[in-house]
Structures are given as structure tokens and as C-alpha cells.
Amino acid sequence: MASTTEPTNLKKEEEEEDDSKPGAEDEDTGAQVAPIVKLQEVAVTTGEENEDVLLDLKAKLYRFDKEGNQWKERGVGTLKLLKHKESDKIRLVMRQNKTLKICANHLVLPTMTVQEHQGNDKSCVWHAADFADGELKEETFAIRFASVESELLLFIYSVLYL
């Protein structure tokens, strides 16, 4: 049995030595590759150009599913409170990290109340008429922050601007 395991061990040691040498992919061949398709630069508008950022925090957003009677994750990303330069209206926008897809988009109105989620001091709950999916729907949201300070910031801004 010892003779069958020794060659296997020797092969593994040789492979480890070969890993330390630079591979063929590290070599510069001098070849130049021209692009097949030339792309033109496209101007991208986010809809946030006429707004000032009041608050910018990383968080995880949930919405309450009434049919299933449970919280469903809507996305992880950046929550922004934006104030329009002309109308002074404030809206909450949240985009997912990698895709930048909008997962929350609604006005912050005086009728809204932001409350601390029961049993968790890093979370807030509120109701809003949301337009993230392209149609106006009444939703219940919960948001969880990394720290208590972030939750307090959102609460303070909601009190100051409402």
C-alpha cells in the first residue's frame, strides 16, 4: 500500500512546484485585438439630477406580503432621501447594490409615520404609496440598518422634514 500512495504524493508535489512558475497566460504575446463592435457613449439619466441628497445610507429593505402574512426581502442597497430643488418635495429612493434597480420610490408625506420595529432597534417600519414596480401600490416597508445610529438618522430626518 505504501508504494501506491507515494507516487500520488510525488505528483502532488510536482504540481505545487509548477504552480509557482508563471503560466502562459501571464506572458505578453504582443498581439493587438481590435474591437468588433464600436459602442457609442450614451447619456444616462437617473431622475435624480434636480434633487439634493439629504441622507445616503446602506440598508436592507423588506415589504410586507399580506397574502403570505410575512416579510419579503426587496433588496440590499443604498437608501437616499432626495429633496427636489424647485418644489422642495422629499422622496425616498432605494436602489439595489449591483443592479441599481429601484426597490423603493415614494414621496415622504406628512401623513407618513416612521416607527421603530418591535424588538429590533436597528429597524424602522412605515406605510407608503410606492411606485418602484411602475404602478402605484400601498405598501408596508421595513428597513434594517447596520447600526442604531443609521436608524436614528432616518427617524430624525423624517421628523424634521414632515
N, C-alpha and C. Protein backbone atom coordinates (compact mmCIF):
# COMPACT_ATOMS: atom_id res chain seq x y z
N MET A 1 0.80 -1.20 0.00
CA MET A 1 0.00 0.00 0.00
C MET A 1 0.84 1.25 0.00
N ALA A 2 1.97 1.21 0.67
CA ALA A 2 2.81 2.39 0.75
C ALA A 2 3.32 2.78 -0.62
N SER A 3 3.55 1.81 -1.49
CA SER A 3 4.08 2.12 -2.81
C SER A 3 3.03 2.80 -3.69
N THR A 4 1.74 2.54 -3.45
CA THR A 4 0.71 3.18 -4.28
C THR A 4 0.45 4.62 -3.85
N THR A 5 0.67 4.95 -2.60
CA THR A 5 0.42 6.31 -2.16
C THR A 5 1.60 7.23 -2.43
N GLU A 6 2.80 6.69 -2.47
CA GLU A 6 3.98 7.52 -2.69
C GLU A 6 3.98 8.20 -4.06
N PRO A 7 3.67 7.52 -5.17
CA PRO A 7 3.65 8.22 -6.45
C PRO A 7 2.59 9.32 -6.50
N THR A 8 1.48 9.10 -5.83
CA THR A 8 0.44 10.12 -5.79
C THR A 8 0.95 11.36 -5.08
N ASN A 9 1.64 11.16 -3.97
CA ASN A 9 2.20 12.30 -3.23
C ASN A 9 3.24 13.02 -4.05
N LEU A 10 4.07 12.28 -4.81
CA LEU A 10 5.08 12.91 -5.65
C LEU A 10 4.45 13.75 -6.74
N LYS A 11 3.36 13.28 -7.33
CA LYS A 11 2.66 14.04 -8.38
C LYS A 11 2.10 15.33 -7.80
N LYS A 12 1.55 15.28 -6.59
CA LYS A 12 1.00 16.49 -5.97
C LYS A 12 2.10 17.50 -5.71
N GLU A 13 3.28 17.03 -5.27
CA GLU A 13 4.39 17.94 -5.01
C GLU A 13 4.88 18.58 -6.29
N GLU A 14 4.92 17.83 -7.39
CA GLU A 14 5.35 18.38 -8.67
C GLU A 14 4.35 19.43 -9.17
N GLU A 15 3.06 19.18 -8.97
CA GLU A 15 2.04 20.14 -9.39
C GLU A 15 2.16 21.44 -8.60
N GLU A 16 2.47 21.33 -7.31
CA GLU A 16 2.62 22.53 -6.50
C GLU A 16 3.82 23.35 -6.96
N GLU A 17 4.90 22.69 -7.36
CA GLU A 17 6.06 23.40 -7.86
C GLU A 17 5.75 24.10 -9.16
N ASP A 18 4.97 23.45 -10.03
CA ASP A 18 4.60 24.05 -11.31
C ASP A 18 3.72 25.27 -11.13
N ASP A 19 2.90 25.31 -10.05
CA ASP A 19 2.01 26.45 -9.78
C ASP A 19 2.81 27.71 -9.48
N SER A 20 4.02 27.58 -8.96
CA SER A 20 4.81 28.76 -8.60
C SER A 20 5.43 29.42 -9.83
N LYS A 21 5.56 28.67 -10.95
CA LYS A 21 6.12 29.23 -12.19
C LYS A 21 5.04 30.04 -12.90
N PRO A 22 5.45 31.12 -13.58
CA PRO A 22 4.45 31.90 -14.31
C PRO A 22 3.85 31.08 -15.44
N GLY A 23 2.55 31.18 -15.59
CA GLY A 23 1.84 30.43 -16.61
C GLY A 23 1.88 31.13 -17.95
N ALA A 24 1.39 30.49 -18.97
CA ALA A 24 1.37 31.04 -20.32
C ALA A 24 0.47 32.26 -20.40
N GLU A 25 -0.54 32.34 -19.55
CA GLU A 25 -1.46 33.47 -19.61
C GLU A 25 -0.82 34.77 -19.12
N ASP A 26 0.28 34.68 -18.37
CA ASP A 26 0.97 35.87 -17.88
C ASP A 26 1.92 36.46 -18.93
N GLU A 27 2.25 35.70 -19.96
CA GLU A 27 3.18 36.16 -20.97
C GLU A 27 2.52 37.16 -21.90
N ASP A 28 3.29 38.16 -22.33
CA ASP A 28 2.81 39.17 -23.27
C ASP A 28 3.16 38.71 -24.67
N THR A 29 2.15 38.42 -25.48
CA THR A 29 2.38 37.93 -26.84
C THR A 29 2.58 39.06 -27.83
N GLY A 30 2.23 40.27 -27.46
CA GLY A 30 2.37 41.41 -28.36
C GLY A 30 1.22 41.54 -29.34
N ALA A 31 0.25 40.64 -29.27
CA ALA A 31 -0.88 40.69 -30.19
C ALA A 31 -1.82 41.82 -29.79
N GLN A 32 -2.35 42.49 -30.79
CA GLN A 32 -3.31 43.55 -30.55
C GLN A 32 -4.66 43.14 -31.11
N VAL A 33 -5.70 43.32 -30.32
CA VAL A 33 -7.03 42.92 -30.73
C VAL A 33 -7.88 44.17 -30.90
N ALA A 34 -8.44 44.33 -32.07
CA ALA A 34 -9.32 45.46 -32.35
C ALA A 34 -10.75 45.08 -31.99
N PRO A 35 -11.54 46.03 -31.46
CA PRO A 35 -12.92 45.70 -31.11
C PRO A 35 -13.75 45.38 -32.35
N ILE A 36 -14.64 44.41 -32.20
CA ILE A 36 -15.51 44.01 -33.31
C ILE A 36 -16.62 45.03 -33.49
N VAL A 37 -17.18 45.50 -32.39
CA VAL A 37 -18.28 46.45 -32.42
C VAL A 37 -17.84 47.71 -31.70
N LYS A 38 -18.09 48.85 -32.31
CA LYS A 38 -17.78 50.12 -31.66
C LYS A 38 -19.06 50.65 -31.01
N LEU A 39 -18.96 50.92 -29.71
CA LEU A 39 -20.12 51.40 -28.96
C LEU A 39 -20.02 52.91 -28.78
N GLN A 40 -21.15 53.56 -28.89
CA GLN A 40 -21.20 55.00 -28.68
C GLN A 40 -21.58 55.28 -27.24
N GLU A 41 -21.06 56.37 -26.71
CA GLU A 41 -21.38 56.75 -25.34
C GLU A 41 -22.84 57.22 -25.28
N VAL A 42 -23.54 56.74 -24.28
CA VAL A 42 -24.95 57.06 -24.10
C VAL A 42 -25.11 57.83 -22.80
N ALA A 43 -25.84 58.94 -22.86
CA ALA A 43 -26.11 59.72 -21.65
C ALA A 43 -27.19 59.01 -20.84
N VAL A 44 -26.90 58.79 -19.57
CA VAL A 44 -27.84 58.09 -18.69
C VAL A 44 -28.42 59.09 -17.70
N THR A 45 -29.74 59.12 -17.62
CA THR A 45 -30.39 60.00 -16.64
C THR A 45 -31.00 59.12 -15.56
N THR A 46 -30.77 59.49 -14.32
CA THR A 46 -31.28 58.71 -13.20
C THR A 46 -32.60 59.26 -12.66
N GLY A 47 -32.92 60.50 -13.03
CA GLY A 47 -34.10 61.14 -12.47
C GLY A 47 -33.78 61.87 -11.18
N GLU A 48 -32.52 61.81 -10.76
CA GLU A 48 -32.09 62.45 -9.51
C GLU A 48 -31.27 63.72 -9.78
N GLU A 49 -31.22 64.17 -11.02
CA GLU A 49 -30.38 65.32 -11.38
C GLU A 49 -30.86 66.63 -10.74
N ASN A 50 -32.16 66.81 -10.56
CA ASN A 50 -32.71 68.04 -9.99
C ASN A 50 -32.99 67.94 -8.50
N GLU A 51 -32.30 67.02 -7.82
CA GLU A 51 -32.55 66.79 -6.41
C GLU A 51 -31.25 66.81 -5.62
N ASP A 52 -31.36 67.27 -4.39
CA ASP A 52 -30.23 67.27 -3.47
C ASP A 52 -30.37 66.08 -2.52
N VAL A 53 -29.25 65.45 -2.21
CA VAL A 53 -29.25 64.29 -1.32
C VAL A 53 -29.22 64.77 0.13
N LEU A 54 -30.25 64.41 0.89
CA LEU A 54 -30.31 64.75 2.32
C LEU A 54 -29.70 63.65 3.18
N LEU A 55 -29.89 62.41 2.75
CA LEU A 55 -29.44 61.27 3.53
C LEU A 55 -29.07 60.15 2.58
N ASP A 56 -27.97 59.46 2.84
CA ASP A 56 -27.49 58.39 1.99
C ASP A 56 -26.94 57.29 2.89
N LEU A 57 -27.69 56.17 3.01
CA LEU A 57 -27.32 55.09 3.93
C LEU A 57 -27.46 53.74 3.25
N LYS A 58 -26.62 52.79 3.64
CA LYS A 58 -26.75 51.42 3.17
C LYS A 58 -27.71 50.68 4.09
N ALA A 59 -28.59 49.88 3.48
CA ALA A 59 -29.61 49.19 4.28
C ALA A 59 -30.18 48.00 3.52
N LYS A 60 -31.02 47.24 4.20
CA LYS A 60 -31.75 46.12 3.61
C LYS A 60 -33.24 46.43 3.75
N LEU A 61 -33.97 46.36 2.63
CA LEU A 61 -35.38 46.72 2.60
C LEU A 61 -36.26 45.48 2.49
N TYR A 62 -37.36 45.50 3.24
CA TYR A 62 -38.36 44.43 3.20
C TYR A 62 -39.72 45.05 2.94
N ARG A 63 -40.61 44.27 2.33
CA ARG A 63 -42.01 44.69 2.21
C ARG A 63 -42.86 43.59 2.80
N PHE A 64 -44.01 43.98 3.34
CA PHE A 64 -44.90 43.01 3.97
C PHE A 64 -45.85 42.45 2.93
N ASP A 65 -45.86 41.13 2.77
CA ASP A 65 -46.76 40.44 1.85
C ASP A 65 -48.01 40.05 2.63
N LYS A 66 -49.12 40.71 2.32
CA LYS A 66 -50.37 40.48 3.06
C LYS A 66 -50.92 39.08 2.79
N GLU A 67 -50.76 38.59 1.55
CA GLU A 67 -51.30 37.26 1.22
C GLU A 67 -50.57 36.16 1.97
N GLY A 68 -49.26 36.25 2.04
CA GLY A 68 -48.48 35.24 2.73
C GLY A 68 -48.27 35.54 4.20
N ASN A 69 -48.68 36.74 4.63
CA ASN A 69 -48.54 37.19 6.02
C ASN A 69 -47.09 37.07 6.50
N GLN A 70 -46.16 37.58 5.66
CA GLN A 70 -44.75 37.52 6.01
C GLN A 70 -43.98 38.66 5.35
N TRP A 71 -42.79 38.92 5.88
CA TRP A 71 -41.90 39.93 5.31
C TRP A 71 -41.09 39.30 4.19
N LYS A 72 -40.98 40.01 3.06
CA LYS A 72 -40.18 39.53 1.93
C LYS A 72 -39.10 40.57 1.64
N GLU A 73 -37.91 40.07 1.39
CA GLU A 73 -36.81 40.98 1.10
C GLU A 73 -37.01 41.64 -0.26
N ARG A 74 -36.82 42.96 -0.29
CA ARG A 74 -36.98 43.72 -1.53
C ARG A 74 -35.62 44.04 -2.14
N GLY A 75 -34.60 44.15 -1.29
CA GLY A 75 -33.27 44.42 -1.82
C GLY A 75 -32.32 44.95 -0.78
N VAL A 76 -31.03 44.87 -1.11
CA VAL A 76 -29.97 45.43 -0.29
C VAL A 76 -29.31 46.51 -1.12
N GLY A 77 -29.16 47.70 -0.55
CA GLY A 77 -28.56 48.77 -1.34
C GLY A 77 -28.48 50.08 -0.60
N THR A 78 -28.57 51.15 -1.38
CA THR A 78 -28.42 52.50 -0.85
C THR A 78 -29.76 53.19 -0.77
N LEU A 79 -30.11 53.64 0.42
CA LEU A 79 -31.33 54.40 0.66
C LEU A 79 -30.98 55.88 0.60
N LYS A 80 -31.74 56.65 -0.17
CA LYS A 80 -31.50 58.09 -0.26
C LYS A 80 -32.79 58.84 0.01
N LEU A 81 -32.65 59.92 0.76
CA LEU A 81 -33.73 60.90 0.87
C LEU A 81 -33.31 62.07 -0.01
N LEU A 82 -34.14 62.37 -1.02
CA LEU A 82 -33.82 63.40 -2.00
C LEU A 82 -34.81 64.54 -1.92
N LYS A 83 -34.31 65.77 -1.95
CA LYS A 83 -35.16 66.96 -1.91
C LYS A 83 -35.08 67.66 -3.25
N HIS A 84 -36.25 67.83 -3.89
CA HIS A 84 -36.30 68.47 -5.20
C HIS A 84 -35.94 69.95 -5.06
N LYS A 85 -35.11 70.45 -5.97
CA LYS A 85 -34.59 71.82 -5.88
C LYS A 85 -35.67 72.88 -6.07
N GLU A 86 -36.69 72.59 -6.89
CA GLU A 86 -37.72 73.60 -7.16
C GLU A 86 -38.96 73.44 -6.27
N SER A 87 -39.46 72.22 -6.16
CA SER A 87 -40.72 72.02 -5.44
C SER A 87 -40.53 71.74 -3.95
N ASP A 88 -39.30 71.47 -3.51
CA ASP A 88 -38.97 71.15 -2.12
C ASP A 88 -39.64 69.85 -1.64
N LYS A 89 -40.17 69.04 -2.55
CA LYS A 89 -40.74 67.75 -2.16
C LYS A 89 -39.60 66.78 -1.87
N ILE A 90 -39.81 65.93 -0.88
CA ILE A 90 -38.81 64.95 -0.50
C ILE A 90 -39.32 63.57 -0.88
N ARG A 91 -38.43 62.79 -1.47
CA ARG A 91 -38.80 61.41 -1.81
C ARG A 91 -37.73 60.46 -1.32
N LEU A 92 -38.15 59.25 -1.06
CA LEU A 92 -37.26 58.18 -0.64
C LEU A 92 -37.03 57.29 -1.85
N VAL A 93 -35.76 57.07 -2.19
CA VAL A 93 -35.38 56.19 -3.30
C VAL A 93 -34.35 55.21 -2.78
N MET A 94 -34.56 53.95 -3.10
CA MET A 94 -33.57 52.94 -2.74
C MET A 94 -33.29 52.09 -3.96
N ARG A 95 -31.99 51.90 -4.25
CA ARG A 95 -31.55 51.09 -5.38
C ARG A 95 -30.75 49.90 -4.87
N GLN A 96 -30.91 48.76 -5.55
CA GLN A 96 -30.14 47.57 -5.20
C GLN A 96 -28.67 47.79 -5.55
N ASN A 97 -27.78 47.18 -4.78
CA ASN A 97 -26.35 47.40 -4.92
C ASN A 97 -25.81 47.14 -6.32
N LYS A 98 -25.90 45.93 -6.80
CA LYS A 98 -25.23 45.56 -8.04
C LYS A 98 -26.00 45.95 -9.29
N THR A 99 -27.31 45.80 -9.28
CA THR A 99 -28.10 46.05 -10.48
C THR A 99 -28.59 47.48 -10.59
N LEU A 100 -28.57 48.22 -9.49
CA LEU A 100 -29.09 49.59 -9.39
C LEU A 100 -30.59 49.67 -9.70
N LYS A 101 -31.28 48.54 -9.63
CA LYS A 101 -32.72 48.51 -9.83
C LYS A 101 -33.39 49.19 -8.64
N ILE A 102 -34.42 49.97 -8.92
CA ILE A 102 -35.14 50.67 -7.86
C ILE A 102 -36.01 49.68 -7.10
N CYS A 103 -35.84 49.66 -5.76
CA CYS A 103 -36.67 48.77 -4.95
C CYS A 103 -37.62 49.57 -4.05
N ALA A 104 -37.45 50.89 -3.97
CA ALA A 104 -38.40 51.77 -3.26
C ALA A 104 -38.32 53.15 -3.90
N ASN A 105 -39.49 53.74 -4.12
CA ASN A 105 -39.55 55.07 -4.72
C ASN A 105 -40.89 55.70 -4.35
N HIS A 106 -40.88 56.56 -3.35
CA HIS A 106 -42.12 57.23 -2.97
C HIS A 106 -41.83 58.57 -2.28
N LEU A 107 -42.84 59.42 -2.31
CA LEU A 107 -42.74 60.71 -1.64
C LEU A 107 -42.81 60.53 -0.13
N VAL A 108 -42.12 61.39 0.57
CA VAL A 108 -42.21 61.43 2.04
C VAL A 108 -43.27 62.48 2.36
N LEU A 109 -44.39 62.02 2.88
CA LEU A 109 -45.55 62.88 3.12
C LEU A 109 -45.77 63.10 4.62
N PRO A 110 -46.46 64.20 4.98
CA PRO A 110 -46.74 64.45 6.39
C PRO A 110 -47.61 63.38 7.04
N THR A 111 -48.36 62.63 6.23
CA THR A 111 -49.22 61.60 6.79
C THR A 111 -48.45 60.33 7.13
N MET A 112 -47.22 60.21 6.67
CA MET A 112 -46.41 59.02 6.95
C MET A 112 -45.85 59.08 8.36
N THR A 113 -45.77 57.92 8.97
CA THR A 113 -45.11 57.83 10.28
C THR A 113 -44.06 56.73 10.21
N VAL A 114 -42.88 57.05 10.68
CA VAL A 114 -41.79 56.08 10.74
C VAL A 114 -41.70 55.63 12.19
N GLN A 115 -41.81 54.31 12.39
CA GLN A 115 -41.77 53.75 13.74
C GLN A 115 -40.63 52.75 13.84
N GLU A 116 -40.11 52.61 15.05
CA GLU A 116 -39.10 51.58 15.29
C GLU A 116 -39.80 50.23 15.25
N HIS A 117 -39.17 49.27 14.59
CA HIS A 117 -39.73 47.92 14.50
C HIS A 117 -39.66 47.26 15.88
N GLN A 118 -40.72 46.57 16.26
CA GLN A 118 -40.78 45.95 17.59
C GLN A 118 -39.66 44.94 17.77
N GLY A 119 -38.92 45.09 18.84
CA GLY A 119 -37.88 44.13 19.19
C GLY A 119 -36.56 44.30 18.46
N ASN A 120 -36.44 45.30 17.57
CA ASN A 120 -35.19 45.49 16.85
C ASN A 120 -34.93 47.00 16.72
N ASP A 121 -33.91 47.48 17.41
CA ASP A 121 -33.63 48.91 17.41
C ASP A 121 -32.85 49.37 16.18
N LYS A 122 -32.53 48.46 15.25
CA LYS A 122 -31.86 48.83 14.01
C LYS A 122 -32.83 48.89 12.83
N SER A 123 -34.12 48.73 13.09
CA SER A 123 -35.11 48.65 12.02
C SER A 123 -36.22 49.68 12.19
N CYS A 124 -36.78 50.12 11.05
CA CYS A 124 -37.92 51.04 11.02
C CYS A 124 -39.02 50.44 10.15
N VAL A 125 -40.26 50.83 10.43
CA VAL A 125 -41.42 50.38 9.66
C VAL A 125 -42.25 51.60 9.29
N TRP A 126 -42.80 51.61 8.05
CA TRP A 126 -43.68 52.68 7.62
C TRP A 126 -44.56 52.20 6.47
N HIS A 127 -45.63 52.94 6.21
CA HIS A 127 -46.55 52.68 5.10
C HIS A 127 -46.39 53.80 4.08
N ALA A 128 -46.47 53.43 2.78
CA ALA A 128 -46.34 54.44 1.73
C ALA A 128 -46.98 53.93 0.45
N ALA A 129 -47.39 54.88 -0.40
CA ALA A 129 -47.84 54.57 -1.75
C ALA A 129 -46.59 54.57 -2.61
N ASP A 130 -46.14 53.38 -3.01
CA ASP A 130 -44.85 53.20 -3.67
C ASP A 130 -45.02 53.01 -5.18
N PHE A 131 -44.01 53.48 -5.93
CA PHE A 131 -44.04 53.41 -7.39
C PHE A 131 -42.83 52.66 -7.93
N ALA A 132 -42.19 51.81 -7.15
CA ALA A 132 -40.97 51.12 -7.56
C ALA A 132 -41.21 50.11 -8.68
N ASP A 133 -42.37 49.49 -8.72
CA ASP A 133 -42.67 48.47 -9.74
C ASP A 133 -43.37 49.05 -10.96
N GLY A 134 -43.44 50.38 -11.06
CA GLY A 134 -44.07 51.01 -12.21
C GLY A 134 -45.55 51.29 -12.05
N GLU A 135 -46.13 50.87 -10.95
CA GLU A 135 -47.53 51.19 -10.66
C GLU A 135 -47.64 51.58 -9.19
N LEU A 136 -48.57 52.46 -8.91
CA LEU A 136 -48.73 52.98 -7.55
C LEU A 136 -49.46 51.95 -6.69
N LYS A 137 -48.77 51.48 -5.63
CA LYS A 137 -49.35 50.48 -4.72
C LYS A 137 -49.08 50.90 -3.29
N GLU A 138 -50.05 50.65 -2.43
CA GLU A 138 -49.88 50.89 -0.99
C GLU A 138 -49.07 49.73 -0.41
N GLU A 139 -47.93 50.04 0.19
CA GLU A 139 -47.03 49.01 0.72
C GLU A 139 -46.66 49.32 2.16
N THR A 140 -46.34 48.27 2.90
CA THR A 140 -45.76 48.40 4.23
C THR A 140 -44.31 47.98 4.12
N PHE A 141 -43.42 48.87 4.53
CA PHE A 141 -41.99 48.62 4.40
C PHE A 141 -41.34 48.48 5.77
N ALA A 142 -40.27 47.72 5.79
CA ALA A 142 -39.37 47.67 6.96
C ALA A 142 -37.97 47.78 6.40
N ILE A 143 -37.14 48.51 7.10
CA ILE A 143 -35.77 48.66 6.66
C ILE A 143 -34.85 48.38 7.83
N ARG A 144 -33.76 47.67 7.55
CA ARG A 144 -32.81 47.33 8.60
C ARG A 144 -31.46 47.92 8.25
N PHE A 145 -30.87 48.61 9.22
CA PHE A 145 -29.58 49.26 9.03
C PHE A 145 -28.49 48.47 9.75
N ALA A 146 -27.25 48.79 9.43
CA ALA A 146 -26.13 48.12 10.08
C ALA A 146 -25.95 48.59 11.52
N SER A 147 -26.37 49.81 11.81
CA SER A 147 -26.16 50.34 13.16
C SER A 147 -27.39 51.09 13.64
N VAL A 148 -27.48 51.27 14.93
CA VAL A 148 -28.58 52.01 15.55
C VAL A 148 -28.51 53.48 15.13
N GLU A 149 -27.30 54.00 14.94
CA GLU A 149 -27.13 55.41 14.56
C GLU A 149 -27.81 55.69 13.22
N SER A 150 -27.71 54.76 12.26
CA SER A 150 -28.34 54.94 10.95
C SER A 150 -29.85 55.00 11.09
N GLU A 151 -30.41 54.13 11.92
CA GLU A 151 -31.86 54.12 12.14
C GLU A 151 -32.30 55.43 12.77
N LEU A 152 -31.51 55.94 13.70
CA LEU A 152 -31.84 57.21 14.34
C LEU A 152 -31.78 58.36 13.34
N LEU A 153 -30.81 58.34 12.43
CA LEU A 153 -30.71 59.38 11.41
C LEU A 153 -31.97 59.43 10.56
N LEU A 154 -32.44 58.26 10.11
CA LEU A 154 -33.66 58.23 9.30
C LEU A 154 -34.84 58.77 10.09
N PHE A 155 -34.95 58.39 11.34
CA PHE A 155 -36.04 58.86 12.18
C PHE A 155 -35.97 60.39 12.37
N ILE A 156 -34.79 60.92 12.62
CA ILE A 156 -34.62 62.36 12.81
C ILE A 156 -34.98 63.12 11.53
N TYR A 157 -34.53 62.64 10.38
CA TYR A 157 -34.86 63.30 9.13
C TYR A 157 -36.36 63.26 8.86
N SER A 158 -37.00 62.14 9.18
CA SER A 158 -38.44 62.05 8.95
C SER A 158 -39.20 63.03 9.85
N VAL A 159 -38.71 63.25 11.07
CA VAL A 159 -39.36 64.20 11.98
C VAL A 159 -39.12 65.63 11.53
N LEU A 160 -37.88 65.94 11.11
CA LEU A 160 -37.54 67.30 10.72
C LEU A 160 -38.25 67.77 9.46
N TYR A 161 -38.40 66.88 8.50
CA TYR A 161 -38.93 67.29 7.21
C TYR A 161 -40.40 67.01 7.04
N LEU A 162 -41.07 66.53 8.06
CA LEU A 162 -42.52 66.28 7.93
C LEU A 162 -43.33 67.24 8.74
